[in-house]
Structures are given as C-alpha cells and as structure tokens.
C-alpha cells in the first residue's frame, strides 16, 4: 500500500514523498529513501559551496588525488607509536584485512563502511555512510573519499565541532586539502604540509 509523507528539508522548504511500497520497516531504510529522492549529498555540496565559495566534492577529490602518493610516502616513514598504528592501517589496506567483526562503540561523528559478505579484496563496498550522534544520517555514498568529503560538508553546514580525537585530521582536510583558512596551521599539520611539498 503506497504511503505519502511530508519531508522537511529546511526552513520554509517541505516536500511530499510518495513511497509506492509503503513506509519502510526501519528508520534507516526510510532515511535512505529520503536521501535517494531528494539528493541530500548534492544539497550538502551546495550548502558547503554557499558557505565557503569552494566546491566540496570536486576540490576534495582533486586535492586527494594530488597529495595521496606523497601522503603514503610520509606515512610509511613515520616512526614511534603513530608510525606503528599507521603501519597496521596501511598493511590492512594492502591486504584488505578486516578491522572489526564485532559491533563498534557508538560514534558521535564518523563514517561507516560495509562490505558485501564474502567480498574479495578490491571489490566495491556495499555501503559507505555518515554517522552523527550515533545515527546514520547519510548512506549509499559509494566510496570512502565521498564519505570524508560529505562528512566535512555536514560539519560545516550544521556548524558542528570537530571530534577532539580527530581534530588534526579534520584540520588537515579543511586547511590543506580544501585550502580554507590555510594560513593558520597547528604545528603538526604544518609539519605534514611541509612534508607533502618535499
């Protein structure tokens, strides 16, 4: 049985959405339907561009392409505990090792990745999505890089603070990759930026 719902997209902006198969069984499925119908990823991109005058997805992807080879070299040279942790992550990327097979702790802000059961290394992910306050707010982003870009766009659009434990990661993305407020860098991010230019 078809259902029609009213979706509020912003101040003075609401639309009707007809669901031909009725209301989905879960909130996550309903969020996915709304996202697919109204193109929330494009809205996040547009809002980020409105706020910063920098196109989100194209800038993020081009800068990631530009810096990824040098980032990998810098990460491989890193020593100490950080180098050990980066080494484990990079080895897992090379071998497609699974980090966790059990449910993760609730996240305030982050990304989730889902693989198809029995997926081979290099196969596309089943799902990439954004979590805010422990709730999956966007899904079907296809690629991890899209997830990072959209997460940054949501942080800007919703005026959220960077998670304390990832402050420097987001500072790097914002100031080095996206070129926003890049004149004022923390010492660690400035060192990384300098190493990228070697």
N, C-alpha and C. Protein backbone atom coordinates (compact mmCIF):
# COMPACT_ATOMS: atom_id res chain seq x y z
N UNK A 1 0.83 -1.17 0.00
CA UNK A 1 0.00 0.00 0.00
C UNK A 1 0.88 1.24 0.00
N UNK A 2 0.70 2.12 -0.94
CA UNK A 2 1.51 3.33 -1.07
C UNK A 2 1.27 4.26 0.13
N UNK A 3 2.31 5.02 0.44
CA UNK A 3 2.21 6.00 1.54
C UNK A 3 2.82 7.30 1.07
N UNK A 4 2.27 8.41 1.56
CA UNK A 4 2.81 9.73 1.27
C UNK A 4 3.20 10.38 2.58
N UNK A 5 4.44 10.91 2.63
CA UNK A 5 4.89 11.58 3.83
C UNK A 5 5.36 12.99 3.46
N UNK A 6 5.39 13.86 4.44
CA UNK A 6 5.89 15.22 4.26
C UNK A 6 7.31 15.25 4.82
N UNK A 7 8.26 15.69 4.01
CA UNK A 7 9.67 15.75 4.39
C UNK A 7 10.06 17.21 4.50
N UNK A 8 10.56 17.61 5.68
CA UNK A 8 11.00 18.98 5.89
C UNK A 8 12.48 19.05 5.56
N UNK A 9 12.83 19.83 4.55
CA UNK A 9 14.20 19.91 4.06
C UNK A 9 14.93 21.14 4.58
N UNK A 10 14.22 22.07 5.16
CA UNK A 10 14.83 23.30 5.67
C UNK A 10 13.74 24.28 6.02
N UNK A 11 14.18 25.45 6.46
CA UNK A 11 13.21 26.48 6.82
C UNK A 11 12.41 26.86 5.57
N UNK A 12 11.11 26.82 5.70
CA UNK A 12 10.19 27.13 4.59
C UNK A 12 10.43 26.23 3.37
N UNK A 13 10.86 25.01 3.61
CA UNK A 13 11.12 24.10 2.50
C UNK A 13 10.68 22.69 2.90
N UNK A 14 9.49 22.32 2.46
CA UNK A 14 8.97 20.97 2.73
C UNK A 14 8.43 20.40 1.43
N UNK A 15 8.50 19.09 1.32
CA UNK A 15 8.02 18.42 0.12
C UNK A 15 7.33 17.12 0.49
N UNK A 16 6.46 16.67 -0.40
CA UNK A 16 5.81 15.38 -0.23
C UNK A 16 6.64 14.31 -0.91
N UNK A 17 6.67 13.15 -0.29
CA UNK A 17 7.36 12.00 -0.86
C UNK A 17 6.39 10.83 -0.85
N UNK A 18 6.14 10.28 -2.03
CA UNK A 18 5.27 9.11 -2.14
C UNK A 18 6.13 7.87 -2.18
N UNK A 19 5.83 6.95 -1.28
CA UNK A 19 6.55 5.68 -1.20
C UNK A 19 5.63 4.58 -1.73
N UNK A 20 5.85 4.10 -2.96
CA UNK A 20 4.93 3.16 -3.60
C UNK A 20 4.73 1.86 -2.83
N UNK A 21 5.76 1.43 -2.09
CA UNK A 21 5.64 0.17 -1.35
C UNK A 21 5.30 0.39 0.12
N UNK A 22 4.94 1.61 0.48
CA UNK A 22 4.58 1.91 1.86
C UNK A 22 5.77 2.37 2.69
N UNK A 23 5.52 2.62 3.96
CA UNK A 23 6.57 3.07 4.87
C UNK A 23 7.56 1.91 5.10
N UNK A 24 8.85 2.16 4.94
CA UNK A 24 9.84 1.10 5.17
C UNK A 24 9.79 0.60 6.62
N UNK A 25 10.30 -0.61 6.81
CA UNK A 25 10.25 -1.26 8.12
C UNK A 25 11.18 -0.61 9.14
N UNK A 26 12.28 0.03 8.68
CA UNK A 26 13.23 0.62 9.63
C UNK A 26 13.46 2.09 9.30
N UNK A 27 13.94 2.81 10.31
CA UNK A 27 14.27 4.21 10.15
C UNK A 27 15.39 4.38 9.13
N UNK A 28 16.37 3.47 9.14
CA UNK A 28 17.49 3.55 8.20
C UNK A 28 17.00 3.44 6.75
N UNK A 29 16.07 2.54 6.50
CA UNK A 29 15.52 2.40 5.15
C UNK A 29 14.76 3.66 4.73
N UNK A 30 14.02 4.25 5.67
CA UNK A 30 13.29 5.49 5.38
C UNK A 30 14.27 6.62 5.07
N UNK A 31 15.35 6.74 5.86
CA UNK A 31 16.35 7.76 5.60
C UNK A 31 16.98 7.56 4.21
N UNK A 32 17.24 6.31 3.85
CA UNK A 32 17.80 6.02 2.53
C UNK A 32 16.88 6.44 1.41
N UNK A 33 15.58 6.17 1.56
CA UNK A 33 14.60 6.59 0.55
C UNK A 33 14.56 8.10 0.41
N UNK A 34 14.55 8.81 1.54
CA UNK A 34 14.52 10.27 1.51
C UNK A 34 15.78 10.81 0.84
N UNK A 35 16.92 10.24 1.20
CA UNK A 35 18.19 10.68 0.62
C UNK A 35 18.19 10.46 -0.89
N UNK A 36 17.77 9.28 -1.33
CA UNK A 36 17.76 8.99 -2.77
C UNK A 36 16.81 9.94 -3.51
N UNK A 37 15.65 10.21 -2.92
CA UNK A 37 14.66 11.04 -3.61
C UNK A 37 15.08 12.51 -3.67
N UNK A 38 15.61 13.05 -2.59
CA UNK A 38 15.89 14.48 -2.53
C UNK A 38 17.36 14.83 -2.76
N UNK A 39 18.23 13.85 -2.97
CA UNK A 39 19.63 14.13 -3.28
C UNK A 39 20.34 14.93 -2.20
N UNK A 40 20.33 14.42 -0.96
CA UNK A 40 20.91 15.18 0.15
C UNK A 40 22.41 15.40 -0.03
N UNK A 41 23.10 14.50 -0.69
CA UNK A 41 24.53 14.70 -0.91
C UNK A 41 24.76 15.96 -1.74
N UNK A 42 23.95 16.16 -2.75
CA UNK A 42 24.08 17.35 -3.58
C UNK A 42 23.73 18.61 -2.77
N UNK A 43 22.78 18.49 -1.86
CA UNK A 43 22.43 19.64 -1.02
C UNK A 43 23.56 20.00 -0.07
N UNK A 44 24.24 18.98 0.46
CA UNK A 44 25.39 19.23 1.34
C UNK A 44 26.48 19.93 0.53
N UNK A 45 26.75 19.45 -0.68
CA UNK A 45 27.74 20.06 -1.55
C UNK A 45 27.38 21.52 -1.85
N UNK A 46 26.12 21.76 -2.17
CA UNK A 46 25.67 23.13 -2.48
C UNK A 46 25.78 24.05 -1.26
N UNK A 47 25.41 23.56 -0.09
CA UNK A 47 25.48 24.38 1.12
C UNK A 47 26.93 24.69 1.48
N UNK A 48 27.81 23.71 1.35
CA UNK A 48 29.23 23.93 1.63
C UNK A 48 29.78 24.99 0.68
N UNK A 49 29.43 24.88 -0.59
CA UNK A 49 29.89 25.85 -1.58
C UNK A 49 29.34 27.25 -1.27
N UNK A 50 28.09 27.31 -0.83
CA UNK A 50 27.49 28.61 -0.47
C UNK A 50 28.24 29.24 0.71
N UNK A 51 28.61 28.43 1.70
CA UNK A 51 29.27 28.95 2.90
C UNK A 51 30.71 29.35 2.61
N UNK A 52 31.44 28.53 1.84
CA UNK A 52 32.88 28.72 1.67
C UNK A 52 33.29 29.25 0.30
N UNK A 53 32.42 29.21 -0.68
CA UNK A 53 32.68 29.51 -2.10
C UNK A 53 33.65 28.51 -2.73
N UNK A 54 33.86 27.37 -2.08
CA UNK A 54 34.72 26.31 -2.60
C UNK A 54 33.84 25.10 -2.89
N UNK A 55 33.87 24.56 -4.12
CA UNK A 55 33.08 23.36 -4.40
C UNK A 55 33.63 22.16 -3.61
N UNK A 56 32.78 21.52 -2.85
CA UNK A 56 33.20 20.48 -1.90
C UNK A 56 33.79 19.25 -2.60
N UNK A 57 32.98 18.52 -3.33
CA UNK A 57 33.41 17.23 -3.85
C UNK A 57 34.54 17.33 -4.86
N UNK A 58 34.44 18.25 -5.81
CA UNK A 58 35.48 18.33 -6.84
C UNK A 58 36.82 18.78 -6.24
N UNK A 59 36.79 19.74 -5.31
CA UNK A 59 38.03 20.20 -4.68
C UNK A 59 38.64 19.09 -3.84
N UNK A 60 37.82 18.44 -3.03
CA UNK A 60 38.31 17.38 -2.16
C UNK A 60 38.96 16.27 -2.99
N UNK A 61 38.26 15.81 -4.02
CA UNK A 61 38.77 14.70 -4.84
C UNK A 61 40.06 15.09 -5.58
N UNK A 62 40.10 16.28 -6.15
CA UNK A 62 41.30 16.68 -6.90
C UNK A 62 42.50 16.83 -5.97
N UNK A 63 42.29 17.39 -4.78
CA UNK A 63 43.39 17.55 -3.83
C UNK A 63 43.82 16.20 -3.25
N UNK A 64 42.88 15.32 -3.04
CA UNK A 64 43.22 13.98 -2.57
C UNK A 64 44.07 13.25 -3.62
N UNK A 65 43.67 13.36 -4.89
CA UNK A 65 44.46 12.77 -5.98
C UNK A 65 45.86 13.38 -6.02
N UNK A 66 45.92 14.68 -5.85
CA UNK A 66 47.20 15.40 -5.92
C UNK A 66 48.15 14.97 -4.81
N UNK A 67 47.64 14.75 -3.60
CA UNK A 67 48.50 14.50 -2.43
C UNK A 67 48.62 13.04 -2.01
N UNK A 68 47.81 12.14 -2.55
CA UNK A 68 47.75 10.78 -2.00
C UNK A 68 49.08 10.03 -2.10
N UNK A 69 49.80 10.13 -3.19
CA UNK A 69 51.07 9.40 -3.32
C UNK A 69 52.08 9.89 -2.29
N UNK A 70 52.18 11.20 -2.12
CA UNK A 70 53.13 11.75 -1.15
C UNK A 70 52.69 11.44 0.29
N UNK A 71 51.39 11.44 0.54
CA UNK A 71 50.89 11.07 1.87
C UNK A 71 51.29 9.65 2.22
N UNK A 72 51.18 8.74 1.28
CA UNK A 72 51.56 7.35 1.52
C UNK A 72 53.05 7.25 1.85
N UNK A 73 53.89 8.01 1.15
CA UNK A 73 55.33 8.00 1.44
C UNK A 73 55.60 8.54 2.84
N UNK A 74 54.94 9.63 3.21
CA UNK A 74 55.12 10.22 4.54
C UNK A 74 54.68 9.24 5.62
N UNK A 75 53.55 8.58 5.41
CA UNK A 75 53.04 7.64 6.41
C UNK A 75 53.99 6.46 6.59
N UNK A 76 54.58 5.97 5.50
CA UNK A 76 55.50 4.83 5.59
C UNK A 76 56.78 5.17 6.34
N UNK A 77 57.19 6.44 6.33
CA UNK A 77 58.40 6.88 7.03
C UNK A 77 58.17 7.16 8.51
N UNK A 78 56.90 7.28 8.92
CA UNK A 78 56.56 7.68 10.30
C UNK A 78 57.04 6.63 11.29
N UNK A 79 57.63 7.07 12.41
CA UNK A 79 58.11 6.16 13.43
C UNK A 79 57.26 6.25 14.70
N UNK A 80 57.70 5.54 15.73
CA UNK A 80 57.03 5.57 17.03
C UNK A 80 55.67 4.88 17.01
N UNK A 81 54.88 5.19 18.03
CA UNK A 81 53.54 4.59 18.15
C UNK A 81 52.66 4.96 16.97
N UNK A 82 52.71 6.25 16.59
CA UNK A 82 51.90 6.69 15.45
C UNK A 82 52.28 5.94 14.19
N UNK A 83 53.59 5.75 13.98
CA UNK A 83 54.06 5.01 12.81
C UNK A 83 53.61 3.57 12.84
N UNK A 84 53.63 2.97 14.03
CA UNK A 84 53.17 1.59 14.18
C UNK A 84 51.69 1.47 13.84
N UNK A 85 50.89 2.41 14.36
CA UNK A 85 49.45 2.41 14.07
C UNK A 85 49.18 2.63 12.59
N UNK A 86 49.89 3.59 11.99
CA UNK A 86 49.73 3.83 10.56
C UNK A 86 50.16 2.61 9.75
N UNK A 87 51.23 1.94 10.19
CA UNK A 87 51.70 0.74 9.51
C UNK A 87 50.65 -0.35 9.51
N UNK A 88 49.98 -0.54 10.65
CA UNK A 88 48.91 -1.54 10.73
C UNK A 88 47.77 -1.19 9.79
N UNK A 89 47.39 0.08 9.75
CA UNK A 89 46.29 0.52 8.87
C UNK A 89 46.68 0.32 7.41
N UNK A 90 47.90 0.71 7.06
CA UNK A 90 48.33 0.58 5.66
C UNK A 90 48.47 -0.89 5.26
N UNK A 91 48.94 -1.73 6.17
CA UNK A 91 49.02 -3.17 5.88
C UNK A 91 47.63 -3.74 5.66
N UNK A 92 46.69 -3.29 6.48
CA UNK A 92 45.31 -3.75 6.32
C UNK A 92 44.74 -3.29 4.99
N UNK A 93 45.09 -2.08 4.56
CA UNK A 93 44.61 -1.58 3.26
C UNK A 93 45.19 -2.42 2.14
N UNK A 94 46.48 -2.77 2.25
CA UNK A 94 47.12 -3.57 1.21
C UNK A 94 46.56 -4.98 1.14
N UNK A 95 46.27 -5.57 2.30
CA UNK A 95 45.81 -6.96 2.36
C UNK A 95 44.31 -7.08 2.48
N UNK A 96 43.63 -5.96 2.62
CA UNK A 96 42.18 -5.94 2.79
C UNK A 96 41.76 -6.71 4.05
N UNK A 97 42.48 -6.48 5.14
CA UNK A 97 42.18 -7.11 6.42
C UNK A 97 40.99 -6.39 7.05
N UNK A 98 40.15 -7.15 7.72
CA UNK A 98 39.02 -6.54 8.41
C UNK A 98 39.47 -6.05 9.77
N UNK A 99 39.12 -4.81 10.13
CA UNK A 99 39.49 -4.24 11.41
C UNK A 99 38.60 -4.75 12.53
N UNK A 100 37.33 -4.87 12.29
CA UNK A 100 36.43 -5.29 13.37
C UNK A 100 35.31 -6.13 12.79
N UNK A 101 35.05 -7.25 13.44
CA UNK A 101 33.93 -8.09 13.03
C UNK A 101 32.81 -8.00 14.04
N UNK A 102 33.04 -7.26 15.11
CA UNK A 102 32.02 -7.07 16.14
C UNK A 102 31.49 -5.65 16.05
N UNK A 103 30.32 -5.40 16.60
CA UNK A 103 29.79 -4.03 16.56
C UNK A 103 30.74 -3.04 17.22
N UNK A 104 30.83 -1.85 16.66
CA UNK A 104 31.72 -0.84 17.19
C UNK A 104 31.01 -0.02 18.25
N UNK A 105 31.82 0.71 19.03
CA UNK A 105 31.27 1.62 20.02
C UNK A 105 30.46 2.69 19.31
N UNK A 106 29.41 3.21 19.97
CA UNK A 106 28.64 4.29 19.34
C UNK A 106 29.53 5.49 19.02
N UNK A 107 29.36 6.04 17.83
CA UNK A 107 30.16 7.17 17.38
C UNK A 107 29.36 8.44 17.47
N UNK A 108 30.03 9.52 17.90
CA UNK A 108 29.39 10.83 17.89
C UNK A 108 29.40 11.37 16.47
N UNK A 109 30.51 11.18 15.77
CA UNK A 109 30.66 11.70 14.42
C UNK A 109 31.63 10.81 13.68
N UNK A 110 31.27 10.32 12.53
CA UNK A 110 32.20 9.47 11.80
C UNK A 110 31.59 8.87 10.56
N UNK A 111 32.31 7.89 10.01
CA UNK A 111 31.91 7.18 8.81
C UNK A 111 31.77 5.71 9.12
N UNK A 112 30.91 5.04 8.39
CA UNK A 112 30.88 3.58 8.48
C UNK A 112 31.04 3.01 7.07
N UNK A 113 31.65 1.82 7.03
CA UNK A 113 31.87 1.10 5.77
C UNK A 113 31.29 -0.28 5.94
N UNK A 114 30.60 -0.76 4.92
CA UNK A 114 30.03 -2.11 4.95
C UNK A 114 30.48 -2.84 3.70
N UNK A 115 31.02 -4.04 3.91
CA UNK A 115 31.41 -4.89 2.78
C UNK A 115 30.32 -5.91 2.52
N UNK A 116 30.24 -6.37 1.28
CA UNK A 116 29.37 -7.48 0.95
C UNK A 116 29.92 -8.73 1.63
N UNK A 117 29.06 -9.62 2.06
CA UNK A 117 29.51 -10.88 2.66
C UNK A 117 30.33 -11.64 1.63
N UNK A 118 31.52 -12.05 2.04
CA UNK A 118 32.40 -12.80 1.15
C UNK A 118 33.08 -11.97 0.09
N UNK A 119 33.09 -10.65 0.26
CA UNK A 119 33.70 -9.76 -0.73
C UNK A 119 35.20 -10.02 -0.84
N UNK A 120 35.71 -9.96 -2.04
CA UNK A 120 37.13 -10.13 -2.31
C UNK A 120 37.82 -8.77 -2.18
N UNK A 121 39.14 -8.77 -1.92
CA UNK A 121 39.88 -7.50 -1.88
C UNK A 121 39.69 -6.72 -3.17
N UNK A 122 39.47 -5.42 -3.02
CA UNK A 122 39.30 -4.56 -4.18
C UNK A 122 37.88 -4.45 -4.69
N UNK A 123 36.98 -5.28 -4.19
CA UNK A 123 35.57 -5.16 -4.61
C UNK A 123 34.95 -3.91 -4.01
N UNK A 124 33.97 -3.33 -4.69
CA UNK A 124 33.32 -2.14 -4.15
C UNK A 124 32.64 -2.45 -2.82
N UNK A 125 32.55 -1.42 -2.00
CA UNK A 125 31.88 -1.56 -0.70
C UNK A 125 30.37 -1.64 -0.90
N UNK A 126 29.70 -2.32 0.01
CA UNK A 126 28.24 -2.41 -0.05
C UNK A 126 27.61 -1.08 0.34
N UNK A 127 28.24 -0.37 1.28
CA UNK A 127 27.69 0.90 1.74
C UNK A 127 28.78 1.72 2.42
N UNK A 128 28.71 3.02 2.26
CA UNK A 128 29.52 3.99 2.99
C UNK A 128 28.53 5.04 3.46
N UNK A 129 28.62 5.41 4.74
CA UNK A 129 27.67 6.38 5.26
C UNK A 129 28.27 7.25 6.34
N UNK A 130 27.51 8.25 6.73
CA UNK A 130 27.92 9.22 7.75
C UNK A 130 27.08 9.01 8.99
N UNK A 131 27.75 9.04 10.14
CA UNK A 131 27.08 8.92 11.43
C UNK A 131 27.25 10.23 12.19
N UNK A 132 26.15 10.74 12.71
CA UNK A 132 26.17 11.91 13.59
C UNK A 132 25.34 11.57 14.81
N UNK A 133 25.94 11.78 15.99
CA UNK A 133 25.27 11.47 17.26
C UNK A 133 24.78 10.02 17.30
N UNK A 134 25.58 9.12 16.74
CA UNK A 134 25.25 7.70 16.78
C UNK A 134 24.19 7.24 15.79
N UNK A 135 23.73 8.15 14.92
CA UNK A 135 22.67 7.81 13.96
C UNK A 135 23.22 7.95 12.54
N UNK A 136 22.98 6.95 11.71
CA UNK A 136 23.36 7.04 10.30
C UNK A 136 22.48 8.05 9.60
N UNK A 137 23.07 9.19 9.18
CA UNK A 137 22.27 10.25 8.57
C UNK A 137 22.35 10.26 7.04
N UNK A 138 23.41 9.75 6.49
CA UNK A 138 23.53 9.63 5.04
C UNK A 138 24.14 8.27 4.73
N UNK A 139 23.69 7.67 3.66
CA UNK A 139 24.23 6.38 3.25
C UNK A 139 24.31 6.32 1.74
N UNK A 140 24.78 5.20 1.23
CA UNK A 140 24.93 4.99 -0.22
C UNK A 140 25.87 6.01 -0.86
N UNK A 141 26.96 6.34 -0.17
CA UNK A 141 27.92 7.31 -0.71
C UNK A 141 28.96 6.66 -1.62
N UNK A 142 28.94 5.34 -1.73
CA UNK A 142 29.74 4.52 -2.64
C UNK A 142 31.21 4.39 -2.26
N UNK A 143 31.91 5.49 -2.02
CA UNK A 143 33.35 5.45 -1.80
C UNK A 143 33.72 6.14 -0.49
N UNK A 144 34.80 5.68 0.12
CA UNK A 144 35.27 6.27 1.36
C UNK A 144 35.59 7.75 1.19
N UNK A 145 36.22 8.11 0.08
CA UNK A 145 36.56 9.52 -0.17
C UNK A 145 35.30 10.39 -0.20
N UNK A 146 34.22 9.88 -0.83
CA UNK A 146 32.95 10.62 -0.83
C UNK A 146 32.46 10.82 0.60
N UNK A 147 32.61 9.77 1.41
CA UNK A 147 32.18 9.85 2.81
C UNK A 147 32.91 10.95 3.56
N UNK A 148 34.24 11.02 3.40
CA UNK A 148 35.01 12.07 4.08
C UNK A 148 34.58 13.46 3.62
N UNK A 149 34.41 13.62 2.31
CA UNK A 149 34.02 14.94 1.78
C UNK A 149 32.65 15.35 2.30
N UNK A 150 31.69 14.44 2.26
CA UNK A 150 30.33 14.76 2.72
C UNK A 150 30.32 15.00 4.23
N UNK A 151 31.12 14.24 4.97
CA UNK A 151 31.22 14.46 6.42
C UNK A 151 31.72 15.88 6.71
N UNK A 152 32.76 16.31 5.99
CA UNK A 152 33.25 17.68 6.16
C UNK A 152 32.16 18.69 5.80
N UNK A 153 31.45 18.43 4.71
CA UNK A 153 30.36 19.33 4.31
C UNK A 153 29.27 19.42 5.36
N UNK A 154 28.93 18.30 5.97
CA UNK A 154 27.92 18.30 7.03
C UNK A 154 28.41 19.06 8.26
N UNK A 155 29.67 18.89 8.61
CA UNK A 155 30.22 19.60 9.76
C UNK A 155 30.10 21.11 9.53
N UNK A 156 30.44 21.56 8.33
CA UNK A 156 30.32 22.99 8.00
C UNK A 156 28.86 23.42 7.98
N UNK A 157 28.02 22.65 7.29
CA UNK A 157 26.61 23.04 7.12
C UNK A 157 25.85 23.08 8.43
N UNK A 158 26.14 22.14 9.33
CA UNK A 158 25.41 22.04 10.59
C UNK A 158 26.15 22.75 11.74
N UNK A 159 27.27 23.39 11.41
CA UNK A 159 28.08 24.12 12.39
C UNK A 159 28.43 23.21 13.57
N UNK A 160 29.02 22.07 13.28
CA UNK A 160 29.43 21.12 14.30
C UNK A 160 30.92 21.31 14.61
N UNK A 161 31.33 20.92 15.80
CA UNK A 161 32.74 20.94 16.17
C UNK A 161 33.39 19.64 15.72
N UNK A 162 34.68 19.72 15.41
CA UNK A 162 35.41 18.51 15.07
C UNK A 162 35.54 17.65 16.33
N UNK A 163 35.45 16.33 16.21
CA UNK A 163 35.69 15.47 17.38
C UNK A 163 37.11 15.70 17.89
N UNK A 164 37.27 15.81 19.20
CA UNK A 164 38.56 16.13 19.80
C UNK A 164 39.66 15.18 19.33
N UNK A 165 39.34 13.88 19.30
CA UNK A 165 40.36 12.89 18.93
C UNK A 165 40.72 12.92 17.45
N UNK A 166 39.98 13.65 16.63
CA UNK A 166 40.26 13.73 15.19
C UNK A 166 40.45 15.17 14.73
N UNK A 167 40.70 16.06 15.67
CA UNK A 167 40.81 17.48 15.36
C UNK A 167 41.86 17.75 14.29
N UNK A 168 43.04 17.12 14.42
CA UNK A 168 44.11 17.39 13.45
C UNK A 168 43.82 16.78 12.09
N UNK A 169 43.12 15.66 12.06
CA UNK A 169 42.73 15.06 10.78
C UNK A 169 41.82 16.03 10.02
N UNK A 170 40.81 16.54 10.71
CA UNK A 170 39.89 17.48 10.06
C UNK A 170 40.57 18.81 9.75
N UNK A 171 41.50 19.23 10.60
CA UNK A 171 42.25 20.46 10.31
C UNK A 171 43.04 20.29 9.02
N UNK A 172 43.66 19.11 8.85
CA UNK A 172 44.40 18.83 7.62
C UNK A 172 43.47 18.88 6.40
N UNK A 173 42.33 18.21 6.52
CA UNK A 173 41.39 18.20 5.39
C UNK A 173 40.92 19.61 5.07
N UNK A 174 40.51 20.35 6.10
CA UNK A 174 39.98 21.71 5.91
C UNK A 174 41.03 22.66 5.35
N UNK A 175 42.18 22.69 5.99
CA UNK A 175 43.14 23.74 5.68
C UNK A 175 44.13 23.38 4.58
N UNK A 176 44.51 22.12 4.48
CA UNK A 176 45.48 21.74 3.46
C UNK A 176 44.78 21.25 2.20
N UNK A 177 43.89 20.25 2.34
CA UNK A 177 43.21 19.73 1.15
C UNK A 177 42.23 20.73 0.55
N UNK A 178 41.39 21.34 1.42
CA UNK A 178 40.36 22.23 0.91
C UNK A 178 40.84 23.68 0.76
N UNK A 179 41.98 24.03 1.37
CA UNK A 179 42.54 25.38 1.23
C UNK A 179 41.72 26.44 1.96
N UNK A 180 41.03 26.06 3.02
CA UNK A 180 40.21 27.01 3.77
C UNK A 180 40.97 27.44 5.03
N UNK A 181 41.23 28.73 5.17
CA UNK A 181 41.92 29.25 6.35
C UNK A 181 43.28 28.57 6.52
N UNK A 182 43.99 28.38 5.43
CA UNK A 182 45.23 27.62 5.44
C UNK A 182 46.44 28.35 5.96
N UNK A 183 46.30 29.61 6.34
CA UNK A 183 47.45 30.37 6.84
C UNK A 183 47.72 30.10 8.31
N UNK A 184 46.73 29.58 9.04
CA UNK A 184 46.89 29.32 10.47
C UNK A 184 46.80 27.81 10.70
N UNK A 185 47.96 27.16 10.78
CA UNK A 185 48.00 25.71 10.96
C UNK A 185 48.62 25.38 12.31
N UNK A 186 48.14 24.28 12.92
CA UNK A 186 48.80 23.77 14.12
C UNK A 186 50.17 23.26 13.70
N UNK A 187 51.06 23.09 14.66
CA UNK A 187 52.42 22.66 14.36
C UNK A 187 52.44 21.33 13.63
N UNK A 188 51.66 20.35 14.11
CA UNK A 188 51.67 19.01 13.48
C UNK A 188 51.16 19.06 12.05
N UNK A 189 50.12 19.82 11.80
CA UNK A 189 49.57 19.92 10.44
C UNK A 189 50.54 20.68 9.54
N UNK A 190 51.22 21.71 10.09
CA UNK A 190 52.21 22.45 9.30
C UNK A 190 53.37 21.54 8.90
N UNK A 191 53.83 20.68 9.82
CA UNK A 191 54.91 19.73 9.52
C UNK A 191 54.47 18.78 8.40
N UNK A 192 53.24 18.26 8.50
CA UNK A 192 52.74 17.35 7.46
C UNK A 192 52.63 18.07 6.12
N UNK A 193 52.14 19.29 6.13
CA UNK A 193 52.04 20.06 4.89
C UNK A 193 53.42 20.26 4.26
N UNK A 194 54.41 20.56 5.10
CA UNK A 194 55.78 20.75 4.59
C UNK A 194 56.31 19.46 3.99
N UNK A 195 56.02 18.33 4.63
CA UNK A 195 56.50 17.03 4.11
C UNK A 195 55.84 16.68 2.78
N UNK A 196 54.61 17.12 2.60
CA UNK A 196 53.92 16.86 1.34
C UNK A 196 54.55 17.62 0.18
N UNK A 197 55.20 18.74 0.51
CA UNK A 197 55.79 19.59 -0.53
C UNK A 197 57.25 19.24 -0.83
N UNK A 198 57.79 18.21 -0.14
CA UNK A 198 59.18 17.80 -0.37
C UNK A 198 59.33 17.09 -1.70
